Amino acid sequence: MKKLLFVVFILLVGFSIYWFKFRGADAPEGAKTGPLKTTKHSLAFNNNLDTLINAYLNIKSALVEADSLQAKQAATKFLVLADSFKLDDLKKDTAVIFETANSFLNDVKANAKSLVKQTNLTDMRQDFSGVSENIYPLLKTIHYEGKTLYWQNCPMAFGEGKEANWISNTDEIINPYMGKKNAEFKATMVHCGETKDSIKAF
């Protein structure tokens, strides 16, 4: 009986191979379509988040250039956008997600508010680090849906062994903590650092 079942099994396998390899090749090929990409958040939510990220990147660029006036102006705009950024889209998720995201957003705003008040680049960079440390988990928590961003690190942002991180829209290292006009290193350390993570659309 077992031998008969084995023979039947072999015949079925052989028929399947024949069908898919030879008959299947003759069948007309239908249009190849991939799964449609769907978004979790509203268009308004994603647009507002993109605007907020662009404002953050403007602060980063000003710090790279060691331009304290431009950094303050960019931070002021960023703070206005952060204050008006609504997390209402997250209310359809669990309460934990909404509350966690809201906590990170509040810390982003607190650090941005401090940054706006600073008058020297070192203090601005300290507060920018605080903004970065909270906007990164914020984007992770809300399931960011925009273009790929990069989480980058400088191992000596505030001195030997005193690291700091930032978000970039390119995988090229352009370090806002060292910048192009560092008192000790000039522009030689602007590319110092490494990419630690990427933030991609879910």
N, C-alpha and C. Protein backbone atom coordinates (compact mmCIF):
# COMPACT_ATOMS: atom_id res chain seq x y z
N MET A 1 0.83 -1.20 0.00
CA MET A 1 0.00 0.00 0.00
C MET A 1 0.87 1.25 0.00
N LYS A 2 1.91 1.22 0.88
CA LYS A 2 2.81 2.36 0.95
C LYS A 2 3.52 2.59 -0.38
N LYS A 3 3.86 1.44 -1.04
CA LYS A 3 4.55 1.55 -2.33
C LYS A 3 3.64 2.20 -3.36
N LEU A 4 2.37 1.84 -3.35
CA LEU A 4 1.40 2.41 -4.29
C LEU A 4 1.25 3.91 -4.05
N LEU A 5 1.15 4.29 -2.78
CA LEU A 5 1.02 5.71 -2.45
C LEU A 5 2.25 6.49 -2.90
N PHE A 6 3.41 5.87 -2.75
CA PHE A 6 4.65 6.53 -3.16
C PHE A 6 4.66 6.76 -4.67
N VAL A 7 4.21 5.75 -5.43
CA VAL A 7 4.16 5.86 -6.89
C VAL A 7 3.20 6.97 -7.29
N VAL A 8 2.04 7.00 -6.64
CA VAL A 8 1.07 8.06 -6.94
C VAL A 8 1.67 9.43 -6.66
N PHE A 9 2.40 9.54 -5.54
CA PHE A 9 3.04 10.80 -5.17
C PHE A 9 4.04 11.23 -6.24
N ILE A 10 4.86 10.29 -6.71
CA ILE A 10 5.86 10.59 -7.74
C ILE A 10 5.17 11.06 -9.02
N LEU A 11 4.07 10.39 -9.39
CA LEU A 11 3.34 10.77 -10.60
C LEU A 11 2.78 12.19 -10.47
N LEU A 12 2.27 12.51 -9.31
CA LEU A 12 1.72 13.85 -9.09
C LEU A 12 2.80 14.92 -9.17
N VAL A 13 3.96 14.63 -8.60
CA VAL A 13 5.08 15.57 -8.65
C VAL A 13 5.53 15.76 -10.09
N GLY A 14 5.63 14.65 -10.83
CA GLY A 14 6.05 14.74 -12.22
C GLY A 14 5.07 15.54 -13.06
N PHE A 15 3.78 15.31 -12.83
CA PHE A 15 2.77 16.05 -13.58
C PHE A 15 2.83 17.54 -13.26
N SER A 16 3.06 17.85 -11.99
CA SER A 16 3.13 19.26 -11.59
C SER A 16 4.30 19.96 -12.25
N ILE A 17 5.46 19.28 -12.30
CA ILE A 17 6.64 19.86 -12.94
C ILE A 17 6.37 20.09 -14.42
N TYR A 18 5.76 19.10 -15.07
CA TYR A 18 5.45 19.22 -16.49
C TYR A 18 4.51 20.41 -16.74
N TRP A 19 3.50 20.52 -15.92
CA TRP A 19 2.48 21.56 -16.13
C TRP A 19 3.09 22.96 -15.99
N PHE A 20 3.84 23.17 -14.92
CA PHE A 20 4.38 24.51 -14.67
C PHE A 20 5.54 24.86 -15.59
N LYS A 21 6.31 23.86 -15.99
CA LYS A 21 7.48 24.15 -16.82
C LYS A 21 7.13 24.28 -18.29
N PHE A 22 6.22 23.44 -18.76
CA PHE A 22 5.93 23.42 -20.20
C PHE A 22 4.58 24.06 -20.53
N ARG A 23 3.52 23.65 -19.91
CA ARG A 23 2.21 24.20 -20.22
C ARG A 23 2.06 25.62 -19.69
N GLY A 24 2.65 25.83 -18.51
CA GLY A 24 2.57 27.16 -17.91
C GLY A 24 3.26 28.21 -18.75
N ALA A 25 4.32 27.79 -19.46
CA ALA A 25 5.07 28.74 -20.29
C ALA A 25 4.25 29.20 -21.48
N ASP A 26 3.28 28.34 -21.92
CA ASP A 26 2.46 28.69 -23.08
C ASP A 26 1.31 29.61 -22.72
N ALA A 27 0.98 29.66 -21.46
CA ALA A 27 -0.16 30.47 -21.04
C ALA A 27 0.18 31.94 -21.19
N PRO A 28 -0.78 32.76 -21.60
CA PRO A 28 -0.52 34.19 -21.74
C PRO A 28 -0.18 34.81 -20.40
N GLU A 29 0.84 35.65 -20.42
CA GLU A 29 1.28 36.28 -19.18
C GLU A 29 0.45 37.52 -18.90
N GLY A 30 -0.16 37.56 -17.76
CA GLY A 30 -0.98 38.70 -17.39
C GLY A 30 -0.11 39.88 -17.00
N ALA A 31 -0.73 41.00 -16.84
CA ALA A 31 0.00 42.19 -16.45
C ALA A 31 0.56 42.01 -15.06
N LYS A 32 1.84 42.34 -14.91
CA LYS A 32 2.48 42.20 -13.61
C LYS A 32 2.22 43.47 -12.79
N THR A 33 1.55 43.28 -11.71
CA THR A 33 1.25 44.43 -10.86
C THR A 33 1.69 44.13 -9.45
N GLY A 34 2.37 45.08 -8.84
CA GLY A 34 2.79 44.92 -7.46
C GLY A 34 1.71 45.44 -6.54
N PRO A 35 1.89 45.21 -5.26
CA PRO A 35 0.89 45.70 -4.31
C PRO A 35 0.85 47.22 -4.30
N LEU A 36 -0.32 47.77 -4.18
CA LEU A 36 -0.46 49.22 -4.15
C LEU A 36 0.06 49.74 -2.82
N LYS A 37 0.83 50.81 -2.88
CA LYS A 37 1.35 51.41 -1.66
C LYS A 37 0.27 52.25 -1.01
N THR A 38 -0.01 51.96 0.20
CA THR A 38 -1.02 52.72 0.92
C THR A 38 -0.37 53.50 2.05
N THR A 39 -0.96 54.62 2.40
CA THR A 39 -0.44 55.41 3.50
C THR A 39 -1.36 55.30 4.70
N LYS A 40 -0.76 55.40 5.84
CA LYS A 40 -1.51 55.28 7.08
C LYS A 40 -2.07 56.62 7.52
N HIS A 41 -1.30 57.68 7.22
CA HIS A 41 -1.68 59.01 7.67
C HIS A 41 -2.34 59.81 6.55
N SER A 42 -3.00 60.88 6.93
CA SER A 42 -3.63 61.76 5.94
C SER A 42 -2.57 62.54 5.18
N LEU A 43 -2.93 63.03 4.01
CA LEU A 43 -2.01 63.83 3.20
C LEU A 43 -1.58 65.08 3.97
N ALA A 44 -2.51 65.70 4.67
CA ALA A 44 -2.19 66.91 5.43
C ALA A 44 -1.17 66.62 6.52
N PHE A 45 -1.35 65.49 7.21
CA PHE A 45 -0.41 65.10 8.27
C PHE A 45 0.99 64.92 7.71
N ASN A 46 1.09 64.17 6.61
CA ASN A 46 2.40 63.91 6.01
C ASN A 46 3.05 65.18 5.47
N ASN A 47 2.25 66.06 4.87
CA ASN A 47 2.79 67.32 4.36
C ASN A 47 3.31 68.20 5.50
N ASN A 48 2.57 68.26 6.58
CA ASN A 48 2.99 69.06 7.73
C ASN A 48 4.26 68.50 8.36
N LEU A 49 4.34 67.18 8.39
CA LEU A 49 5.54 66.54 8.95
C LEU A 49 6.75 66.80 8.06
N ASP A 50 6.57 66.73 6.75
CA ASP A 50 7.66 67.02 5.82
C ASP A 50 8.15 68.46 5.99
N THR A 51 7.22 69.38 6.18
CA THR A 51 7.57 70.79 6.38
C THR A 51 8.37 70.96 7.67
N LEU A 52 7.97 70.24 8.71
CA LEU A 52 8.68 70.29 9.99
C LEU A 52 10.10 69.74 9.85
N ILE A 53 10.24 68.64 9.13
CA ILE A 53 11.55 68.04 8.93
C ILE A 53 12.45 68.97 8.12
N ASN A 54 11.90 69.59 7.09
CA ASN A 54 12.69 70.53 6.28
C ASN A 54 13.18 71.70 7.13
N ALA A 55 12.34 72.16 8.06
CA ALA A 55 12.75 73.25 8.95
C ALA A 55 13.88 72.79 9.87
N TYR A 56 13.79 71.55 10.33
CA TYR A 56 14.87 70.96 11.14
C TYR A 56 16.18 70.91 10.35
N LEU A 57 16.07 70.48 9.09
CA LEU A 57 17.26 70.38 8.24
C LEU A 57 17.87 71.75 7.97
N ASN A 58 17.05 72.79 7.98
CA ASN A 58 17.58 74.15 7.81
C ASN A 58 18.41 74.57 9.02
N ILE A 59 18.00 74.13 10.21
CA ILE A 59 18.82 74.39 11.40
C ILE A 59 20.16 73.68 11.26
N LYS A 60 20.10 72.43 10.85
CA LYS A 60 21.32 71.65 10.66
C LYS A 60 22.27 72.34 9.69
N SER A 61 21.75 72.80 8.56
CA SER A 61 22.58 73.46 7.55
C SER A 61 23.22 74.72 8.10
N ALA A 62 22.47 75.49 8.89
CA ALA A 62 23.01 76.72 9.48
C ALA A 62 24.14 76.40 10.45
N LEU A 63 24.00 75.32 11.21
CA LEU A 63 25.05 74.92 12.15
C LEU A 63 26.28 74.41 11.41
N VAL A 64 26.09 73.75 10.30
CA VAL A 64 27.23 73.32 9.47
C VAL A 64 28.03 74.54 9.03
N GLU A 65 27.33 75.61 8.67
CA GLU A 65 27.98 76.84 8.22
C GLU A 65 28.43 77.72 9.39
N ALA A 66 28.13 77.28 10.61
CA ALA A 66 28.47 78.05 11.82
C ALA A 66 27.85 79.44 11.78
N ASP A 67 26.64 79.52 11.29
CA ASP A 67 25.92 80.79 11.17
C ASP A 67 24.87 80.85 12.28
N SER A 68 25.22 81.50 13.38
CA SER A 68 24.32 81.53 14.54
C SER A 68 23.03 82.30 14.26
N LEU A 69 23.12 83.37 13.49
CA LEU A 69 21.92 84.14 13.16
C LEU A 69 20.95 83.31 12.33
N GLN A 70 21.48 82.64 11.32
CA GLN A 70 20.63 81.79 10.47
C GLN A 70 20.07 80.61 11.27
N ALA A 71 20.87 80.07 12.16
CA ALA A 71 20.42 78.96 13.00
C ALA A 71 19.26 79.39 13.89
N LYS A 72 19.36 80.59 14.46
CA LYS A 72 18.30 81.11 15.32
C LYS A 72 17.01 81.33 14.53
N GLN A 73 17.15 81.88 13.32
CA GLN A 73 15.98 82.12 12.48
C GLN A 73 15.32 80.80 12.08
N ALA A 74 16.15 79.82 11.72
CA ALA A 74 15.62 78.52 11.32
C ALA A 74 14.95 77.82 12.51
N ALA A 75 15.55 77.96 13.68
CA ALA A 75 14.99 77.35 14.88
C ALA A 75 13.66 78.00 15.26
N THR A 76 13.57 79.31 15.07
CA THR A 76 12.32 80.03 15.35
C THR A 76 11.19 79.51 14.47
N LYS A 77 11.49 79.34 13.18
CA LYS A 77 10.48 78.81 12.25
C LYS A 77 10.12 77.38 12.62
N PHE A 78 11.13 76.60 12.96
CA PHE A 78 10.90 75.21 13.35
C PHE A 78 9.98 75.13 14.57
N LEU A 79 10.22 76.00 15.55
CA LEU A 79 9.41 75.99 16.76
C LEU A 79 7.95 76.33 16.47
N VAL A 80 7.73 77.29 15.59
CA VAL A 80 6.36 77.65 15.20
C VAL A 80 5.66 76.44 14.57
N LEU A 81 6.37 75.75 13.70
CA LEU A 81 5.80 74.58 13.03
C LEU A 81 5.55 73.45 14.02
N ALA A 82 6.49 73.26 14.94
CA ALA A 82 6.33 72.20 15.94
C ALA A 82 5.14 72.48 16.86
N ASP A 83 4.97 73.75 17.21
CA ASP A 83 3.84 74.13 18.08
C ASP A 83 2.50 73.89 17.40
N SER A 84 2.48 74.01 16.08
CA SER A 84 1.21 73.86 15.35
C SER A 84 1.01 72.44 14.80
N PHE A 85 2.01 71.58 14.98
CA PHE A 85 1.92 70.22 14.45
C PHE A 85 0.96 69.39 15.30
N LYS A 86 -0.04 68.83 14.67
CA LYS A 86 -1.07 68.06 15.37
C LYS A 86 -0.88 66.56 15.15
N LEU A 87 -1.10 65.82 16.20
CA LEU A 87 -0.96 64.37 16.14
C LEU A 87 -2.31 63.66 16.05
N ASP A 88 -3.32 64.38 15.60
CA ASP A 88 -4.68 63.83 15.58
C ASP A 88 -4.79 62.52 14.81
N ASP A 89 -3.98 62.36 13.76
CA ASP A 89 -4.03 61.13 12.97
C ASP A 89 -3.71 59.90 13.82
N LEU A 90 -2.97 60.11 14.90
CA LEU A 90 -2.55 58.98 15.73
C LEU A 90 -3.63 58.53 16.71
N LYS A 91 -4.68 59.32 16.83
CA LYS A 91 -5.73 58.97 17.78
C LYS A 91 -6.47 57.70 17.38
N LYS A 92 -6.34 57.32 16.10
CA LYS A 92 -6.97 56.07 15.65
C LYS A 92 -6.11 54.86 16.01
N ASP A 93 -4.87 55.13 16.46
CA ASP A 93 -4.00 54.06 16.96
C ASP A 93 -4.28 53.85 18.45
N THR A 94 -3.43 53.08 19.09
CA THR A 94 -3.61 52.87 20.52
C THR A 94 -3.26 54.14 21.29
N ALA A 95 -3.78 54.25 22.48
CA ALA A 95 -3.50 55.42 23.32
C ALA A 95 -2.02 55.52 23.63
N VAL A 96 -1.36 54.37 23.73
CA VAL A 96 0.08 54.36 24.05
C VAL A 96 0.88 55.05 22.95
N ILE A 97 0.55 54.77 21.69
CA ILE A 97 1.26 55.38 20.57
C ILE A 97 1.06 56.89 20.58
N PHE A 98 -0.18 57.32 20.75
CA PHE A 98 -0.47 58.75 20.76
C PHE A 98 0.26 59.45 21.90
N GLU A 99 0.20 58.88 23.09
CA GLU A 99 0.82 59.51 24.26
C GLU A 99 2.34 59.52 24.15
N THR A 100 2.91 58.44 23.62
CA THR A 100 4.36 58.38 23.45
C THR A 100 4.83 59.43 22.45
N ALA A 101 4.14 59.50 21.31
CA ALA A 101 4.49 60.48 20.29
C ALA A 101 4.34 61.90 20.82
N ASN A 102 3.30 62.14 21.57
CA ASN A 102 3.05 63.47 22.13
C ASN A 102 4.14 63.86 23.12
N SER A 103 4.63 62.89 23.88
CA SER A 103 5.72 63.15 24.83
C SER A 103 6.99 63.55 24.10
N PHE A 104 7.32 62.81 23.03
CA PHE A 104 8.51 63.15 22.24
C PHE A 104 8.36 64.53 21.59
N LEU A 105 7.17 64.82 21.07
CA LEU A 105 6.93 66.11 20.43
C LEU A 105 7.10 67.25 21.44
N ASN A 106 6.61 67.07 22.65
CA ASN A 106 6.77 68.10 23.68
C ASN A 106 8.24 68.34 24.01
N ASP A 107 9.03 67.27 24.03
CA ASP A 107 10.46 67.42 24.30
C ASP A 107 11.18 68.08 23.12
N VAL A 108 10.73 67.79 21.91
CA VAL A 108 11.27 68.47 20.73
C VAL A 108 11.04 69.97 20.87
N LYS A 109 9.83 70.35 21.23
CA LYS A 109 9.48 71.77 21.36
C LYS A 109 10.25 72.44 22.49
N ALA A 110 10.44 71.74 23.59
CA ALA A 110 11.17 72.30 24.73
C ALA A 110 12.62 72.60 24.36
N ASN A 111 13.25 71.68 23.65
CA ASN A 111 14.64 71.90 23.23
C ASN A 111 14.75 72.97 22.16
N ALA A 112 13.77 73.02 21.26
CA ALA A 112 13.76 74.06 20.23
C ALA A 112 13.56 75.44 20.85
N LYS A 113 12.72 75.51 21.87
CA LYS A 113 12.47 76.78 22.56
C LYS A 113 13.76 77.28 23.23
N SER A 114 14.52 76.35 23.80
CA SER A 114 15.80 76.71 24.41
C SER A 114 16.81 77.15 23.36
N LEU A 115 16.81 76.45 22.23
CA LEU A 115 17.74 76.78 21.14
C LEU A 115 17.53 78.21 20.66
N VAL A 116 16.29 78.61 20.52
CA VAL A 116 15.96 79.95 20.03
C VAL A 116 16.54 81.03 20.94
N LYS A 117 16.66 80.73 22.23
CA LYS A 117 17.14 81.72 23.20
C LYS A 117 18.67 81.81 23.26
N GLN A 118 19.37 80.85 22.68
CA GLN A 118 20.83 80.82 22.78
C GLN A 118 21.48 81.89 21.91
N THR A 119 22.70 82.26 22.30
CA THR A 119 23.43 83.29 21.56
C THR A 119 24.76 82.79 21.01
N ASN A 120 25.19 81.60 21.43
CA ASN A 120 26.46 81.08 20.89
C ASN A 120 26.25 79.69 20.30
N LEU A 121 27.11 79.33 19.39
CA LEU A 121 26.95 78.10 18.61
C LEU A 121 27.03 76.84 19.47
N THR A 122 27.89 76.84 20.47
CA THR A 122 28.02 75.64 21.30
C THR A 122 26.71 75.30 21.99
N ASP A 123 26.08 76.31 22.58
CA ASP A 123 24.79 76.08 23.25
C ASP A 123 23.70 75.72 22.25
N MET A 124 23.74 76.34 21.09
CA MET A 124 22.78 76.01 20.04
C MET A 124 22.91 74.54 19.64
N ARG A 125 24.14 74.10 19.51
CA ARG A 125 24.38 72.71 19.11
C ARG A 125 23.95 71.74 20.20
N GLN A 126 24.11 72.13 21.46
CA GLN A 126 23.63 71.29 22.55
C GLN A 126 22.12 71.11 22.47
N ASP A 127 21.42 72.20 22.24
CA ASP A 127 19.96 72.13 22.14
C ASP A 127 19.51 71.42 20.86
N PHE A 128 20.27 71.60 19.79
CA PHE A 128 19.97 70.89 18.55
C PHE A 128 20.09 69.39 18.77
N SER A 129 21.08 68.99 19.57
CA SER A 129 21.22 67.58 19.91
C SER A 129 19.99 67.08 20.66
N GLY A 130 19.47 67.93 21.57
CA GLY A 130 18.26 67.56 22.30
C GLY A 130 17.05 67.42 21.39
N VAL A 131 16.93 68.33 20.43
CA VAL A 131 15.86 68.23 19.43
C VAL A 131 15.99 66.91 18.67
N SER A 132 17.21 66.62 18.24
CA SER A 132 17.47 65.42 17.43
C SER A 132 17.14 64.14 18.19
N GLU A 133 17.53 64.10 19.47
CA GLU A 133 17.31 62.89 20.27
C GLU A 133 15.83 62.61 20.51
N ASN A 134 15.00 63.59 20.28
CA ASN A 134 13.55 63.39 20.45
C ASN A 134 12.79 63.29 19.14
N ILE A 135 13.28 63.95 18.10
CA ILE A 135 12.57 63.87 16.82
C ILE A 135 12.80 62.50 16.16
N TYR A 136 13.95 61.89 16.44
CA TYR A 136 14.24 60.56 15.89
C TYR A 136 13.23 59.52 16.40
N PRO A 137 13.06 59.36 17.73
CA PRO A 137 12.05 58.39 18.19
C PRO A 137 10.62 58.82 17.86
N LEU A 138 10.40 60.12 17.71
CA LEU A 138 9.07 60.59 17.30
C LEU A 138 8.73 60.03 15.93
N LEU A 139 9.67 60.13 14.99
CA LEU A 139 9.44 59.63 13.64
C LEU A 139 9.24 58.11 13.64
N LYS A 140 9.97 57.43 14.50
CA LYS A 140 9.82 55.98 14.61
C LYS A 140 8.45 55.61 15.18
N THR A 141 8.03 56.36 16.17
CA THR A 141 6.77 56.06 16.84
C THR A 141 5.56 56.27 15.94
N ILE A 142 5.59 57.35 15.16
CA ILE A 142 4.42 57.66 14.34
C ILE A 142 4.41 56.91 13.00
N HIS A 143 5.47 56.13 12.75
CA HIS A 143 5.60 55.41 11.48
C HIS A 143 5.70 56.39 10.32
N TYR A 144 6.81 57.08 10.29
CA TYR A 144 7.11 58.08 9.26
C TYR A 144 6.92 57.50 7.87
N GLU A 145 6.30 58.27 6.96
CA GLU A 145 5.96 57.78 5.63
C GLU A 145 6.62 58.57 4.49
N GLY A 146 7.58 59.42 4.82
CA GLY A 146 8.21 60.25 3.79
C GLY A 146 9.45 59.62 3.18
N LYS A 147 10.28 60.47 2.59
CA LYS A 147 11.51 60.00 1.97
C LYS A 147 12.50 59.53 3.04
N THR A 148 13.39 58.66 2.64
CA THR A 148 14.34 58.08 3.59
C THR A 148 15.20 59.16 4.26
N LEU A 149 15.31 59.04 5.57
CA LEU A 149 16.17 59.91 6.36
C LEU A 149 17.25 59.06 7.02
N TYR A 150 18.31 59.71 7.48
CA TYR A 150 19.45 58.98 8.05
C TYR A 150 19.78 59.50 9.44
N TRP A 151 19.99 58.58 10.35
CA TRP A 151 20.35 58.90 11.73
C TRP A 151 21.87 58.78 11.84
N GLN A 152 22.52 59.92 12.05
CA GLN A 152 23.97 59.97 11.97
C GLN A 152 24.59 60.40 13.30
N ASN A 153 25.85 60.04 13.48
CA ASN A 153 26.51 60.21 14.77
C ASN A 153 27.90 60.81 14.62
N CYS A 154 28.21 61.74 15.53
CA CYS A 154 29.57 62.27 15.65
C CYS A 154 30.09 61.82 17.01
N PRO A 155 31.19 61.05 17.07
CA PRO A 155 31.68 60.51 18.34
C PRO A 155 32.34 61.54 19.25
N MET A 156 32.64 62.72 18.72
CA MET A 156 33.32 63.74 19.53
C MET A 156 32.71 65.12 19.30
N ALA A 157 31.39 65.16 19.24
CA ALA A 157 30.68 66.41 18.94
C ALA A 157 30.99 67.51 19.95
N PHE A 158 31.09 67.14 21.23
CA PHE A 158 31.33 68.14 22.28
C PHE A 158 32.62 67.83 23.05
N GLY A 159 33.55 67.23 22.35
CA GLY A 159 34.82 66.88 22.96
C GLY A 159 35.04 65.38 22.90
N GLU A 160 36.21 64.96 23.30
CA GLU A 160 36.57 63.55 23.23
C GLU A 160 35.59 62.69 24.03
N GLY A 161 34.96 61.74 23.33
CA GLY A 161 34.03 60.82 23.98
C GLY A 161 32.65 61.39 24.23
N LYS A 162 32.39 62.61 23.80
CA LYS A 162 31.08 63.24 24.01
C LYS A 162 30.35 63.31 22.68
N GLU A 163 29.61 62.25 22.38
CA GLU A 163 28.98 62.11 21.08
C GLU A 163 27.64 62.84 21.00
N ALA A 164 27.18 62.99 19.77
CA ALA A 164 25.86 63.56 19.52
C ALA A 164 25.37 63.06 18.17
N ASN A 165 24.06 63.08 17.99
CA ASN A 165 23.44 62.56 16.77
C ASN A 165 22.63 63.64 16.06
N TRP A 166 22.30 63.35 14.83
CA TRP A 166 21.42 64.24 14.06
C TRP A 166 20.76 63.46 12.94
N ILE A 167 19.73 64.06 12.35
CA ILE A 167 19.03 63.46 11.22
C ILE A 167 19.42 64.20 9.95
N SER A 168 19.62 63.43 8.88
CA SER A 168 19.98 64.01 7.59
C SER A 168 19.09 63.41 6.50
N ASN A 169 18.96 64.14 5.40
CA ASN A 169 18.21 63.61 4.26
C ASN A 169 19.14 63.02 3.21
N THR A 170 20.40 62.87 3.56
CA THR A 170 21.38 62.23 2.68
C THR A 170 22.30 61.35 3.51
N ASP A 171 22.80 60.27 2.92
CA ASP A 171 23.70 59.40 3.68
C ASP A 171 25.12 59.97 3.76
N GLU A 172 25.37 61.07 3.06
CA GLU A 172 26.67 61.73 3.17
C GLU A 172 26.76 62.41 4.53
N ILE A 173 27.89 62.26 5.19
CA ILE A 173 28.08 62.89 6.50
C ILE A 173 28.46 64.36 6.31
N ILE A 174 27.59 65.24 6.79
CA ILE A 174 27.87 66.68 6.83
C ILE A 174 27.55 67.10 8.26
N ASN A 175 28.58 67.17 9.07
CA ASN A 175 28.46 67.22 10.53
C ASN A 175 28.11 68.62 11.05
N PRO A 176 26.93 68.78 11.65
CA PRO A 176 26.53 70.10 12.16
C PRO A 176 27.22 70.47 13.47
N TYR A 177 27.84 69.50 14.13
CA TYR A 177 28.52 69.78 15.40
C TYR A 177 29.95 70.26 15.18
N MET A 178 30.62 69.69 14.20
CA MET A 178 31.96 70.15 13.85
C MET A 178 31.89 71.36 12.92
N GLY A 179 31.02 71.27 11.94
CA GLY A 179 30.83 72.38 11.01
C GLY A 179 32.05 72.68 10.15
N LYS A 180 31.94 73.76 9.42
CA LYS A 180 33.01 74.15 8.49
C LYS A 180 33.98 75.17 9.07
N LYS A 181 33.66 75.66 10.28
CA LYS A 181 34.50 76.72 10.85
C LYS A 181 34.84 76.41 12.30
N ASN A 182 35.21 75.16 12.54
CA ASN A 182 35.56 74.73 13.89
C ASN A 182 36.82 75.44 14.36
N ALA A 183 36.81 75.91 15.61
CA ALA A 183 37.94 76.69 16.14
C ALA A 183 39.23 75.89 16.12
N GLU A 184 39.15 74.59 16.34
CA GLU A 184 40.35 73.76 16.39
C GLU A 184 40.65 73.07 15.07
N PHE A 185 39.62 72.54 14.42
CA PHE A 185 39.83 71.71 13.24
C PHE A 185 39.50 72.39 11.91
N LYS A 186 38.98 73.62 12.00
CA LYS A 186 38.54 74.34 10.79
C LYS A 186 37.46 73.51 10.09
N ALA A 187 37.65 73.24 8.79
CA ALA A 187 36.63 72.48 8.06
C ALA A 187 37.02 71.01 7.86
N THR A 188 38.11 70.59 8.51
CA THR A 188 38.64 69.25 8.24
C THR A 188 37.78 68.13 8.83
N MET A 189 36.90 68.46 9.78
CA MET A 189 36.11 67.41 10.44
C MET A 189 34.63 67.44 10.06
N VAL A 190 34.30 68.23 9.04
CA VAL A 190 32.89 68.35 8.68
C VAL A 190 32.30 67.03 8.17
N HIS A 191 33.16 66.13 7.71
CA HIS A 191 32.68 64.83 7.23
C HIS A 191 32.96 63.72 8.24
N CYS A 192 33.26 64.11 9.46
CA CYS A 192 33.51 63.13 10.52
C CYS A 192 32.18 62.57 11.04
N GLY A 193 32.11 61.27 11.18
CA GLY A 193 30.90 60.65 11.72
C GLY A 193 30.49 59.43 10.92
N GLU A 194 29.36 58.87 11.26
CA GLU A 194 28.86 57.69 10.56
C GLU A 194 27.34 57.61 10.65
N THR A 195 26.77 56.90 9.69
CA THR A 195 25.32 56.67 9.70
C THR A 195 25.03 55.46 10.57
N LYS A 196 24.14 55.64 11.54
CA LYS A 196 23.80 54.58 12.48
C LYS A 196 22.51 53.85 12.11
N ASP A 197 21.63 54.55 11.43
CA ASP A 197 20.31 53.97 11.13
C ASP A 197 19.68 54.75 9.99
N SER A 198 18.67 54.18 9.39
CA SER A 198 17.89 54.90 8.39
C SER A 198 16.42 54.85 8.80
N ILE A 199 15.71 55.90 8.46
CA ILE A 199 14.29 56.00 8.79
C ILE A 199 13.54 55.94 7.47
N LYS A 200 12.90 54.82 7.22
CA LYS A 200 12.23 54.61 5.94
C LYS A 200 10.72 54.51 6.14
N ALA A 201 10.01 54.82 5.08
CA ALA A 201 8.55 54.72 5.13
C ALA A 201 8.15 53.28 5.40
N PHE A 202 7.16 53.09 6.25
CA PHE A 202 6.68 51.75 6.57
C PHE A 202 5.80 51.23 5.45
